[in-house]
PDB file of N, CA and C in Angstrom:
ATOM      1  N   UNK A   1       0.847  -1.176   0.000  1.00  0.00           N
ATOM      2  CA  UNK A   1       0.000   0.000   0.000  1.00  0.00           C
ATOM      3  C   UNK A   1       0.895   1.242   0.000  1.00  0.00           C
ATOM      4  N   UNK A   2       0.631   2.169  -0.863  1.00  0.00           N
ATOM      5  CA  UNK A   2       1.453   3.391  -0.932  1.00  0.00           C
ATOM      6  C   UNK A   2       1.467   4.186   0.373  1.00  0.00           C
ATOM      7  N   UNK A   3       0.406   4.098   1.136  1.00  0.00           N
ATOM      8  CA  UNK A   3       0.315   4.845   2.390  1.00  0.00           C
ATOM      9  C   UNK A   3       1.383   4.400   3.393  1.00  0.00           C
ATOM     10  N   UNK A   4       1.909   3.191   3.225  1.00  0.00           N
ATOM     11  CA  UNK A   4       2.949   2.691   4.132  1.00  0.00           C
ATOM     12  C   UNK A   4       4.211   3.545   4.073  1.00  0.00           C
ATOM     13  N   UNK A   5       4.490   4.137   2.934  1.00  0.00           N
ATOM     14  CA  UNK A   5       5.679   5.001   2.831  1.00  0.00           C
ATOM     15  C   UNK A   5       5.586   6.159   3.809  1.00  0.00           C
ATOM     16  N   UNK A   6       4.379   6.692   3.976  1.00  0.00           N
ATOM     17  CA  UNK A   6       4.202   7.810   4.897  1.00  0.00           C
ATOM     18  C   UNK A   6       4.278   7.380   6.354  1.00  0.00           C
ATOM     19  N   UNK A   7       3.950   6.115   6.624  1.00  0.00           N
ATOM     20  CA  UNK A   7       4.111   5.623   7.999  1.00  0.00           C
ATOM     21  C   UNK A   7       5.566   5.677   8.433  1.00  0.00           C
ATOM     22  N   UNK A   8       6.447   5.538   7.471  1.00  0.00           N
ATOM     23  CA  UNK A   8       7.888   5.555   7.764  1.00  0.00           C
ATOM     24  C   UNK A   8       8.466   6.972   7.817  1.00  0.00           C
ATOM     25  N   UNK A   9       7.622   7.979   7.643  1.00  0.00           N
ATOM     26  CA  UNK A   9       8.085   9.371   7.602  1.00  0.00           C
ATOM     27  C   UNK A   9       8.255   9.920   9.013  1.00  0.00           C
ATOM     28  N   UNK A  10       9.220   9.376   9.744  1.00  0.00           N
ATOM     29  CA  UNK A  10       9.433   9.778  11.133  1.00  0.00           C
ATOM     30  C   UNK A  10       9.881  11.238  11.255  1.00  0.00           C
ATOM     31  N   UNK A  11      10.468  11.780  10.195  1.00  0.00           N
ATOM     32  CA  UNK A  11      10.932  13.159  10.231  1.00  0.00           C
ATOM     33  C   UNK A  11       9.831  14.149   9.824  1.00  0.00           C
ATOM     34  N   UNK A  12       8.695  13.639   9.368  1.00  0.00           N
ATOM     35  CA  UNK A  12       7.567  14.487   8.971  1.00  0.00           C
ATOM     36  C   UNK A  12       6.340  14.015   9.730  1.00  0.00           C
ATOM     37  N   UNK A  13       6.184  14.535  10.929  1.00  0.00           N
ATOM     38  CA  UNK A  13       5.139  14.020  11.817  1.00  0.00           C
ATOM     39  C   UNK A  13       3.734  14.201  11.257  1.00  0.00           C
ATOM     40  N   UNK A  14       3.489  15.283  10.526  1.00  0.00           N
ATOM     41  CA  UNK A  14       2.148  15.503   9.975  1.00  0.00           C
ATOM     42  C   UNK A  14       1.811  14.429   8.945  1.00  0.00           C
ATOM     43  N   UNK A  15       2.762  14.066   8.112  1.00  0.00           N
ATOM     44  CA  UNK A  15       2.528  13.031   7.109  1.00  0.00           C
ATOM     45  C   UNK A  15       2.311  11.676   7.776  1.00  0.00           C
ATOM     46  N   UNK A  16       3.104  11.386   8.782  1.00  0.00           N
ATOM     47  CA  UNK A  16       2.960  10.117   9.497  1.00  0.00           C
ATOM     48  C   UNK A  16       1.604  10.070  10.211  1.00  0.00           C
ATOM     49  N   UNK A  17       1.229  11.169  10.826  1.00  0.00           N
ATOM     50  CA  UNK A  17      -0.060  11.236  11.510  1.00  0.00           C
ATOM     51  C   UNK A  17      -1.205  11.035  10.520  1.00  0.00           C
ATOM     52  N   UNK A  18      -1.136  11.696   9.375  1.00  0.00           N
ATOM     53  CA  UNK A  18      -2.189  11.559   8.378  1.00  0.00           C
ATOM     54  C   UNK A  18      -2.297  10.106   7.912  1.00  0.00           C
ATOM     55  N   UNK A  19      -1.168   9.453   7.684  1.00  0.00           N
ATOM     56  CA  UNK A  19      -1.212   8.083   7.157  1.00  0.00           C
ATOM     57  C   UNK A  19      -1.825   7.109   8.159  1.00  0.00           C
ATOM     58  N   UNK A  20      -1.463   7.223   9.418  1.00  0.00           N
ATOM     59  CA  UNK A  20      -2.017   6.310  10.415  1.00  0.00           C
ATOM     60  C   UNK A  20      -3.486   6.653  10.689  1.00  0.00           C
ATOM     61  N   UNK A  21      -3.845   7.924  10.605  1.00  0.00           N
ATOM     62  CA  UNK A  21      -5.245   8.326  10.734  1.00  0.00           C
ATOM     63  C   UNK A  21      -6.071   7.727   9.592  1.00  0.00           C
ATOM     64  N   UNK A  22      -5.547   7.798   8.368  1.00  0.00           N
ATOM     65  CA  UNK A  22      -6.255   7.234   7.214  1.00  0.00           C
ATOM     66  C   UNK A  22      -6.441   5.723   7.377  1.00  0.00           C
ATOM     67  N   UNK A  23      -5.406   5.043   7.840  1.00  0.00           N
ATOM     68  CA  UNK A  23      -5.520   3.597   8.063  1.00  0.00           C
ATOM     69  C   UNK A  23      -6.549   3.281   9.143  1.00  0.00           C
ATOM     70  N   UNK A  24      -6.587   4.095  10.177  1.00  0.00           N
ATOM     71  CA  UNK A  24      -7.572   3.887  11.240  1.00  0.00           C
ATOM     72  C   UNK A  24      -8.989   4.018  10.684  1.00  0.00           C
ATOM     73  N   UNK A  25      -9.201   4.993   9.845  1.00  0.00           N
ATOM     74  CA  UNK A  25     -10.523   5.182   9.265  1.00  0.00           C
ATOM     75  C   UNK A  25     -10.872   4.091   8.265  1.00  0.00           C
ATOM     76  N   UNK A  26      -9.931   3.724   7.415  1.00  0.00           N
ATOM     77  CA  UNK A  26     -10.198   2.680   6.424  1.00  0.00           C
ATOM     78  C   UNK A  26     -10.506   1.340   7.086  1.00  0.00           C
ATOM     79  N   UNK A  27      -9.750   1.009   8.124  1.00  0.00           N
ATOM     80  CA  UNK A  27      -9.981  -0.272   8.790  1.00  0.00           C
ATOM     81  C   UNK A  27     -11.257  -0.261   9.631  1.00  0.00           C
ATOM     82  N   UNK A  28     -11.724   0.916  10.002  1.00  0.00           N
ATOM     83  CA  UNK A  28     -12.976   1.022  10.741  1.00  0.00           C
ATOM     84  C   UNK A  28     -14.182   0.967   9.805  1.00  0.00           C
ATOM     85  N   UNK A  29     -14.116   1.701   8.699  1.00  0.00           N
ATOM     86  CA  UNK A  29     -15.245   1.806   7.781  1.00  0.00           C
ATOM     87  C   UNK A  29     -15.358   0.593   6.857  1.00  0.00           C
ATOM     88  N   UNK A  30     -14.212   0.096   6.396  1.00  0.00           N
ATOM     89  CA  UNK A  30     -14.186  -1.051   5.476  1.00  0.00           C
ATOM     90  C   UNK A  30     -13.286  -2.158   6.032  1.00  0.00           C
ATOM     91  N   UNK A  31     -13.633  -2.706   7.185  1.00  0.00           N
ATOM     92  CA  UNK A  31     -12.729  -3.661   7.835  1.00  0.00           C
ATOM     93  C   UNK A  31     -12.462  -4.923   7.011  1.00  0.00           C
ATOM     94  N   UNK A  32     -13.470  -5.421   6.337  1.00  0.00           N
ATOM     95  CA  UNK A  32     -13.293  -6.649   5.563  1.00  0.00           C
ATOM     96  C   UNK A  32     -12.239  -6.512   4.489  1.00  0.00           C
ATOM     97  N   UNK A  33     -12.159  -5.359   3.894  1.00  0.00           N
ATOM     98  CA  UNK A  33     -11.191  -5.129   2.818  1.00  0.00           C
ATOM     99  C   UNK A  33      -9.817  -4.721   3.361  1.00  0.00           C
ATOM    100  N   UNK A  34      -9.801  -3.704   4.201  1.00  0.00           N
ATOM    101  CA  UNK A  34      -8.522  -3.104   4.572  1.00  0.00           C
ATOM    102  C   UNK A  34      -7.781  -3.829   5.684  1.00  0.00           C
ATOM    103  N   UNK A  35      -8.480  -4.501   6.582  1.00  0.00           N
ATOM    104  CA  UNK A  35      -7.770  -5.247   7.629  1.00  0.00           C
ATOM    105  C   UNK A  35      -6.981  -6.393   7.003  1.00  0.00           C
ATOM    106  N   UNK A  36      -7.614  -7.110   6.088  1.00  0.00           N
ATOM    107  CA  UNK A  36      -6.902  -8.222   5.456  1.00  0.00           C
ATOM    108  C   UNK A  36      -5.788  -7.713   4.550  1.00  0.00           C
ATOM    109  N   UNK A  37      -6.017  -6.606   3.866  1.00  0.00           N
ATOM    110  CA  UNK A  37      -4.986  -6.026   3.006  1.00  0.00           C
ATOM    111  C   UNK A  37      -3.786  -5.569   3.832  1.00  0.00           C
ATOM    112  N   UNK A  38      -4.074  -4.964   4.961  1.00  0.00           N
ATOM    113  CA  UNK A  38      -3.016  -4.495   5.855  1.00  0.00           C
ATOM    114  C   UNK A  38      -2.156  -5.667   6.330  1.00  0.00           C
ATOM    115  N   UNK A  39      -2.817  -6.764   6.709  1.00  0.00           N
ATOM    116  CA  UNK A  39      -2.078  -7.949   7.163  1.00  0.00           C
ATOM    117  C   UNK A  39      -1.259  -8.546   6.021  1.00  0.00           C
ATOM    118  N   UNK A  40      -1.877  -8.660   4.862  1.00  0.00           N
ATOM    119  CA  UNK A  40      -1.225  -9.304   3.721  1.00  0.00           C
ATOM    120  C   UNK A  40       0.009  -8.536   3.250  1.00  0.00           C
ATOM    121  N   UNK A  41      -0.034  -7.210   3.347  1.00  0.00           N
ATOM    122  CA  UNK A  41       1.048  -6.396   2.818  1.00  0.00           C
ATOM    123  C   UNK A  41       2.066  -5.948   3.865  1.00  0.00           C
ATOM    124  N   UNK A  42       2.017  -6.537   5.059  1.00  0.00           N
ATOM    125  CA  UNK A  42       3.028  -6.248   6.069  1.00  0.00           C
ATOM    126  C   UNK A  42       2.771  -5.017   6.915  1.00  0.00           C
ATOM    127  N   UNK A  43       1.556  -4.512   6.883  1.00  0.00           N
ATOM    128  CA  UNK A  43       1.242  -3.310   7.643  1.00  0.00           C
ATOM    129  C   UNK A  43       1.245  -3.514   9.145  1.00  0.00           C
ATOM    130  N   UNK A  44       0.919  -4.720   9.578  1.00  0.00           N
ATOM    131  CA  UNK A  44       0.899  -4.988  11.021  1.00  0.00           C
ATOM    132  C   UNK A  44       2.305  -4.813  11.603  1.00  0.00           C
ATOM    133  N   UNK A  45       3.288  -5.388  10.947  1.00  0.00           N
ATOM    134  CA  UNK A  45       4.674  -5.243  11.419  1.00  0.00           C
ATOM    135  C   UNK A  45       5.107  -3.787  11.399  1.00  0.00           C
ATOM    136  N   UNK A  46       4.740  -3.071  10.369  1.00  0.00           N
ATOM    137  CA  UNK A  46       5.111  -1.663  10.262  1.00  0.00           C
ATOM    138  C   UNK A  46       4.459  -0.830  11.366  1.00  0.00           C
ATOM    139  N   UNK A  47       3.203  -1.097  11.653  1.00  0.00           N
ATOM    140  CA  UNK A  47       2.528  -0.369  12.734  1.00  0.00           C
ATOM    141  C   UNK A  47       3.146  -0.693  14.091  1.00  0.00           C
ATOM    142  N   UNK A  48       3.546  -1.935  14.287  1.00  0.00           N
ATOM    143  CA  UNK A  48       4.218  -2.299  15.535  1.00  0.00           C
ATOM    144  C   UNK A  48       5.549  -1.561  15.663  1.00  0.00           C
ATOM    145  N   UNK A  49       6.247  -1.369  14.549  1.00  0.00           N
ATOM    146  CA  UNK A  49       7.497  -0.604  14.565  1.00  0.00           C
ATOM    147  C   UNK A  49       7.230   0.849  14.938  1.00  0.00           C
ATOM    148  N   UNK A  50       6.162   1.408  14.399  1.00  0.00           N
ATOM    149  CA  UNK A  50       5.801   2.799  14.707  1.00  0.00           C
ATOM    150  C   UNK A  50       5.515   2.936  16.204  1.00  0.00           C
ATOM    151  N   UNK A  51       4.802   1.980  16.755  1.00  0.00           N
ATOM    152  CA  UNK A  51       4.465   2.038  18.181  1.00  0.00           C
ATOM    153  C   UNK A  51       5.718   1.942  19.051  1.00  0.00           C
ATOM    154  N   UNK A  52       6.664   1.096  18.667  1.00  0.00           N
ATOM    155  CA  UNK A  52       7.873   0.881  19.466  1.00  0.00           C
ATOM    156  C   UNK A  52       8.905   2.000  19.320  1.00  0.00           C
ATOM    157  N   UNK A  53       8.879   2.700  18.198  1.00  0.00           N
ATOM    158  CA  UNK A  53       9.863   3.755  17.929  1.00  0.00           C
ATOM    159  C   UNK A  53       9.592   4.960  18.827  1.00  0.00           C
ATOM    160  N   UNK A  54      10.630   5.591  19.376  1.00  0.00           N
ATOM    161  CA  UNK A  54      10.415   6.740  20.268  1.00  0.00           C
ATOM    162  C   UNK A  54      10.056   8.044  19.548  1.00  0.00           C
ATOM    163  N   UNK A  55      10.223   8.102  18.232  1.00  0.00           N
ATOM    164  CA  UNK A  55      10.028   9.362  17.510  1.00  0.00           C
ATOM    165  C   UNK A  55       8.575   9.782  17.269  1.00  0.00           C
ATOM    166  N   UNK A  56       7.632   8.884  17.026  1.00  0.00           N
ATOM    167  CA  UNK A  56       6.258   9.341  16.747  1.00  0.00           C
ATOM    168  C   UNK A  56       5.614   9.996  17.967  1.00  0.00           C
ATOM    169  N   UNK A  57       4.632  10.832  17.680  1.00  0.00           N
ATOM    170  CA  UNK A  57       3.882  11.472  18.764  1.00  0.00           C
ATOM    171  C   UNK A  57       2.986  10.438  19.442  1.00  0.00           C
ATOM    172  N   UNK A  58       2.510  10.793  20.622  1.00  0.00           N
ATOM    173  CA  UNK A  58       1.585   9.907  21.338  1.00  0.00           C
ATOM    174  C   UNK A  58       0.305   9.682  20.528  1.00  0.00           C
ATOM    175  N   UNK A  59      -0.134  10.711  19.811  1.00  0.00           N
ATOM    176  CA  UNK A  59      -1.344  10.585  18.990  1.00  0.00           C
ATOM    177  C   UNK A  59      -1.141   9.560  17.871  1.00  0.00           C
ATOM    178  N   UNK A  60       0.036   9.577  17.263  1.00  0.00           N
ATOM    179  CA  UNK A  60       0.341   8.610  16.200  1.00  0.00           C
ATOM    180  C   UNK A  60       0.384   7.206  16.776  1.00  0.00           C
ATOM    181  N   UNK A  61       1.010   7.062  17.924  1.00  0.00           N
ATOM    182  CA  UNK A  61       1.069   5.737  18.564  1.00  0.00           C
ATOM    183  C   UNK A  61      -0.334   5.232  18.926  1.00  0.00           C
ATOM    184  N   UNK A  62      -1.169   6.128  19.427  1.00  0.00           N
ATOM    185  CA  UNK A  62      -2.534   5.739  19.799  1.00  0.00           C
ATOM    186  C   UNK A  62      -3.331   5.297  18.570  1.00  0.00           C
ATOM    187  N   UNK A  63      -3.193   6.012  17.474  1.00  0.00           N
ATOM    188  CA  UNK A  63      -3.889   5.624  16.251  1.00  0.00           C
ATOM    189  C   UNK A  63      -3.364   4.290  15.718  1.00  0.00           C
ATOM    190  N   UNK A  64      -2.056   4.103  15.802  1.00  0.00           N
ATOM    191  CA  UNK A  64      -1.475   2.835  15.343  1.00  0.00           C
ATOM    192  C   UNK A  64      -2.008   1.672  16.173  1.00  0.00           C
ATOM    193  N   UNK A  65      -2.131   1.888  17.478  1.00  0.00           N
ATOM    194  CA  UNK A  65      -2.701   0.842  18.348  1.00  0.00           C
ATOM    195  C   UNK A  65      -4.161   0.581  17.992  1.00  0.00           C
ATOM    196  N   UNK A  66      -4.883   1.639  17.655  1.00  0.00           N
ATOM    197  CA  UNK A  66      -6.278   1.492  17.260  1.00  0.00           C
ATOM    198  C   UNK A  66      -6.384   0.643  15.990  1.00  0.00           C
ATOM    199  N   UNK A  67      -5.525   0.900  15.027  1.00  0.00           N
ATOM    200  CA  UNK A  67      -5.538   0.126  13.782  1.00  0.00           C
ATOM    201  C   UNK A  67      -5.260  -1.342  14.088  1.00  0.00           C
ATOM    202  N   UNK A  68      -4.244  -1.605  14.890  1.00  0.00           N
ATOM    203  CA  UNK A  68      -3.918  -2.996  15.229  1.00  0.00           C
ATOM    204  C   UNK A  68      -5.081  -3.672  15.953  1.00  0.00           C
ATOM    205  N   UNK A  69      -5.751  -2.938  16.809  1.00  0.00           N
ATOM    206  CA  UNK A  69      -6.908  -3.485  17.513  1.00  0.00           C
ATOM    207  C   UNK A  69      -8.021  -3.826  16.528  1.00  0.00           C
ATOM    208  N   UNK A  70      -8.258  -2.949  15.573  1.00  0.00           N
ATOM    209  CA  UNK A  70      -9.289  -3.191  14.570  1.00  0.00           C
ATOM    210  C   UNK A  70      -8.935  -4.388  13.696  1.00  0.00           C
ATOM    211  N   UNK A  71      -7.670  -4.531  13.345  1.00  0.00           N
ATOM    212  CA  UNK A  71      -7.232  -5.686  12.560  1.00  0.00           C
ATOM    213  C   UNK A  71      -7.441  -6.963  13.362  1.00  0.00           C
ATOM    214  N   UNK A  72      -7.076  -6.920  14.642  1.00  0.00           N
ATOM    215  CA  UNK A  72      -7.249  -8.091  15.517  1.00  0.00           C
ATOM    216  C   UNK A  72      -8.733  -8.444  15.662  1.00  0.00           C
ATOM    217  N   UNK A  73      -9.562  -7.439  15.877  1.00  0.00           N
ATOM    218  CA  UNK A  73     -11.002  -7.676  16.025  1.00  0.00           C
ATOM    219  C   UNK A  73     -11.607  -8.241  14.749  1.00  0.00           C
ATOM    220  N   UNK A  74     -11.197  -7.737  13.603  1.00  0.00           N
ATOM    221  CA  UNK A  74     -11.713  -8.236  12.334  1.00  0.00           C
ATOM    222  C   UNK A  74     -11.286  -9.687  12.124  1.00  0.00           C
ATOM    223  N   UNK A  75     -10.073 -10.032  12.526  1.00  0.00           N
ATOM    224  CA  UNK A  75      -9.608 -11.415  12.406  1.00  0.00           C
ATOM    225  C   UNK A  75     -10.468 -12.332  13.272  1.00  0.00           C
ATOM    226  N   UNK A  76     -10.822 -11.882  14.470  1.00  0.00           N
ATOM    227  CA  UNK A  76     -11.682 -12.678  15.349  1.00  0.00           C
ATOM    228  C   UNK A  76     -13.073 -12.847  14.745  1.00  0.00           C
ATOM    229  N   UNK A  77     -13.607 -11.781  14.168  1.00  0.00           N
ATOM    230  CA  UNK A  77     -14.922 -11.849  13.533  1.00  0.00           C
ATOM    231  C   UNK A  77     -14.895 -12.853  12.387  1.00  0.00           C
ATOM    232  N   UNK A  78     -13.841 -12.794  11.587  1.00  0.00           N
ATOM    233  CA  UNK A  78     -13.730 -13.714  10.452  1.00  0.00           C
ATOM    234  C   UNK A  78     -13.585 -15.149  10.940  1.00  0.00           C
ATOM    235  N   UNK A  79     -12.801 -15.367  11.989  1.00  0.00           N
ATOM    236  CA  UNK A  79     -12.643 -16.714  12.545  1.00  0.00           C
ATOM    237  C   UNK A  79     -13.978 -17.244  13.052  1.00  0.00           C
ATOM    238  N   UNK A  80     -14.711 -16.403  13.775  1.00  0.00           N
ATOM    239  CA  UNK A  80     -16.014 -16.816  14.299  1.00  0.00           C
ATOM    240  C   UNK A  80     -17.002 -17.088  13.178  1.00  0.00           C
ATOM    241  N   UNK A  81     -16.920 -16.289  12.123  1.00  0.00           N
ATOM    242  CA  UNK A  81     -17.801 -16.483  10.982  1.00  0.00           C
ATOM    243  C   UNK A  81     -17.525 -17.817  10.303  1.00  0.00           C
ATOM    244  N   UNK A  82     -16.238 -18.134  10.142  1.00  0.00           N
ATOM    245  CA  UNK A  82     -15.859 -19.409   9.533  1.00  0.00           C
ATOM    246  C   UNK A  82     -16.299 -20.575  10.401  1.00  0.00           C
ATOM    247  N   UNK A  83     -16.134 -20.442  11.710  1.00  0.00           N
ATOM    248  CA  UNK A  83     -16.560 -21.503  12.627  1.00  0.00           C
ATOM    249  C   UNK A  83     -18.072 -21.688  12.550  1.00  0.00           C
ATOM    250  N   UNK A  84     -18.824 -20.599  12.470  1.00  0.00           N
ATOM    251  CA  UNK A  84     -20.277 -20.683  12.383  1.00  0.00           C
ATOM    252  C   UNK A  84     -20.690 -21.378  11.084  1.00  0.00           C
ATOM    253  N   UNK A  85     -20.004 -21.053   9.980  1.00  0.00           N
ATOM    254  CA  UNK A  85     -20.312 -21.700   8.705  1.00  0.00           C
ATOM    255  C   UNK A  85     -20.055 -23.200   8.786  1.00  0.00           C
ATOM    256  N   UNK A  86     -18.968 -23.593   9.448  1.00  0.00           N
ATOM    257  CA  UNK A  86     -18.656 -25.016   9.594  1.00  0.00           C
ATOM    258  C   UNK A  86     -19.735 -25.725  10.414  1.00  0.00           C
ATOM    259  N   UNK A  87     -20.202 -25.086  11.479  1.00  0.00           N
ATOM    260  CA  UNK A  87     -21.248 -25.669  12.319  1.00  0.00           C
ATOM    261  C   UNK A  87     -22.531 -25.824  11.500  1.00  0.00           C
ATOM    262  N   UNK A  88     -22.858 -24.799  10.727  1.00  0.00           N
ATOM    263  CA  UNK A  88     -24.063 -24.867   9.900  1.00  0.00           C
ATOM    264  C   UNK A  88     -23.950 -25.961   8.848  1.00  0.00           C
ATOM    265  N   UNK A  89     -22.770 -26.109   8.237  1.00  0.00           N
ATOM    266  CA  UNK A  89     -22.561 -27.163   7.250  1.00  0.00           C
ATOM    267  C   UNK A  89     -22.686 -28.543   7.897  1.00  0.00           C
ATOM    268  N   UNK A  90     -22.112 -28.701   9.101  1.00  0.00           N
ATOM    269  CA  UNK A  90     -22.208 -29.977   9.817  1.00  0.00           C
ATOM    270  C   UNK A  90     -23.660 -30.292  10.155  1.00  0.00           C
ATOM    271  N   UNK A  91     -24.409 -29.272  10.578  1.00  0.00           N
ATOM    272  CA  UNK A  91     -25.816 -29.467  10.906  1.00  0.00           C
ATOM    273  C   UNK A  91     -26.597 -29.874   9.665  1.00  0.00           C
ATOM    274  N   UNK A  92     -26.278 -29.246   8.552  1.00  0.00           N
ATOM    275  CA  UNK A  92     -26.951 -29.579   7.297  1.00  0.00           C
ATOM    276  C   UNK A  92     -26.633 -31.012   6.884  1.00  0.00           C
ATOM    277  N   UNK A  93     -25.367 -31.412   7.029  1.00  0.00           N
ATOM    278  CA  UNK A  93     -24.973 -32.784   6.700  1.00  0.00           C
ATOM    279  C   UNK A  93     -25.733 -33.784   7.563  1.00  0.00           C
ATOM    280  N   UNK A  94     -25.874 -33.491   8.849  1.00  0.00           N
ATOM    281  CA  UNK A  94     -26.597 -34.373   9.762  1.00  0.00           C
ATOM    282  C   UNK A  94     -28.075 -34.447   9.385  1.00  0.00           C
ATOM    283  N   UNK A  95     -28.649 -33.316   8.981  1.00  0.00           N
ATOM    284  CA  UNK A  95     -30.051 -33.290   8.564  1.00  0.00           C
ATOM    285  C   UNK A  95     -30.244 -34.130   7.323  1.00  0.00           C
ATOM    286  N   UNK A  96     -29.289 -34.057   6.394  1.00  0.00           N
ATOM    287  CA  UNK A  96     -29.383 -34.837   5.171  1.00  0.00           C
ATOM    288  C   UNK A  96     -29.362 -36.328   5.483  1.00  0.00           C
ATOM    289  N   UNK A  97     -28.523 -36.730   6.431  1.00  0.00           N
ATOM    290  CA  UNK A  97     -28.416 -38.147   6.807  1.00  0.00           C
ATOM    291  C   UNK A  97     -29.717 -38.604   7.446  1.00  0.00           C
ATOM    292  N   UNK A  98     -30.297 -37.763   8.318  1.00  0.00           N
ATOM    293  CA  UNK A  98     -31.529 -38.136   9.003  1.00  0.00           C
ATOM    294  C   UNK A  98     -32.690 -38.297   8.024  1.00  0.00           C
ATOM    295  N   UNK A  99     -32.684 -37.517   6.958  1.00  0.00           N
ATOM    296  CA  UNK A  99     -33.786 -37.536   6.001  1.00  0.00           C
ATOM    297  C   UNK A  99     -33.731 -38.794   5.127  1.00  0.00           C
ATOM    298  N   UNK A 100     -32.608 -39.423   4.999  1.00  0.00           N
ATOM    299  CA  UNK A 100     -32.452 -40.582   4.134  1.00  0.00           C
ATOM    300  C   UNK A 100     -33.049 -41.779   4.706  1.00  0.00           C
TER     301      UNK A 100
END
């Protein structure tokens, strides 16, 4: 994601703040798309680096933590959704057997 370049802009706090703010909004509004994209493209590791680095402002660190929380929550939702689908499929299979 091109926005990752701005996350690394430790010498330009406004640009770094804008990039993490944008990620926070994208992962909140469109979690299904952007949380998985963030994970796939290495954004989680980059956000963890931003949080650990002493140079970003507290606001940037807080937003980065928010993004990571949203990514984690979306992963849990997806896991629960997959588990629910498996349970429903198993129930359907059992119903099919009973009907025979």
